[in-house]
Amino acid sequence: MALHEEQERRALEGELAQLEQAWREAEEIAAIADNLLLPEHTDEFLDRHSRR
């Protein structure tokens, strides 16, 4: 029983790691897509006018 629990735990940890990697990649792609059509100086404007 303990052997199966250990195998299941390892499998779930592996799946979680894969999901986390996929999430990071999706976030990176989304950030690129978000900035594709913005004018060049948008980042500077947002930095100057953002609330801190």
Protein backbone atom coordinates (compact mmCIF):
# COMPACT_ATOMS: atom_id res chain seq x y z
CA MET A 1 0.00 0.00 0.00
CA ALA A 2 2.75 2.45 0.93
CA LEU A 3 4.57 1.63 -2.31
CA HIS A 4 1.50 2.57 -4.33
CA GLU A 5 1.05 5.79 -2.38
CA GLU A 6 4.68 6.72 -3.05
CA GLN A 7 4.26 6.00 -6.77
CA GLU A 8 1.06 8.03 -6.89
CA ARG A 9 2.72 10.93 -5.06
CA ARG A 10 5.63 10.94 -7.51
CA ALA A 11 3.25 10.81 -10.47
CA LEU A 12 1.22 13.74 -9.13
CA GLU A 13 4.38 15.75 -8.47
CA GLY A 14 5.51 15.09 -12.03
CA GLU A 15 2.15 16.18 -13.41
CA LEU A 16 2.22 19.30 -11.26
CA ALA A 17 5.68 20.20 -12.53
CA GLN A 18 4.48 19.79 -16.12
CA LEU A 19 1.44 21.96 -15.44
CA GLU A 20 3.59 24.65 -13.82
CA GLN A 21 5.92 24.68 -16.82
CA ALA A 22 2.99 24.90 -19.24
CA TRP A 23 1.54 27.76 -17.15
CA ARG A 24 4.85 29.68 -17.28
CA GLU A 25 5.05 29.22 -21.04
CA ALA A 26 1.45 30.37 -21.50
CA GLU A 27 2.11 33.45 -19.35
CA GLU A 28 5.17 34.29 -21.43
CA ILE A 29 3.24 33.92 -24.69
CA ALA A 30 0.37 36.01 -23.31
CA ALA A 31 2.76 38.80 -22.30
CA ILE A 32 4.24 38.84 -25.79
CA ALA A 33 0.78 38.88 -27.38
CA ASP A 34 -0.38 41.66 -25.06
CA ASN A 35 2.48 43.88 -26.21
CA LEU A 36 2.41 43.09 -29.93
CA LEU A 37 0.21 45.96 -31.06
CA LEU A 38 1.09 48.59 -28.47
CA PRO A 39 2.92 51.74 -29.53
CA GLU A 40 6.63 51.85 -28.69
CA HIS A 41 6.45 54.29 -25.79
CA THR A 42 3.55 52.63 -23.98
CA ASP A 43 5.77 50.98 -21.36
CA GLU A 44 7.44 54.28 -20.53
CA PHE A 45 4.06 56.00 -20.22
CA LEU A 46 2.71 53.26 -17.96
CA ASP A 47 5.83 53.38 -15.79
CA ARG A 48 5.52 57.13 -15.34
CA HIS A 49 1.79 57.10 -14.62
CA SER A 50 1.30 53.89 -12.70
CA ARG A 51 0.26 53.92 -9.07
CA ARG A 52 2.94 52.70 -6.71
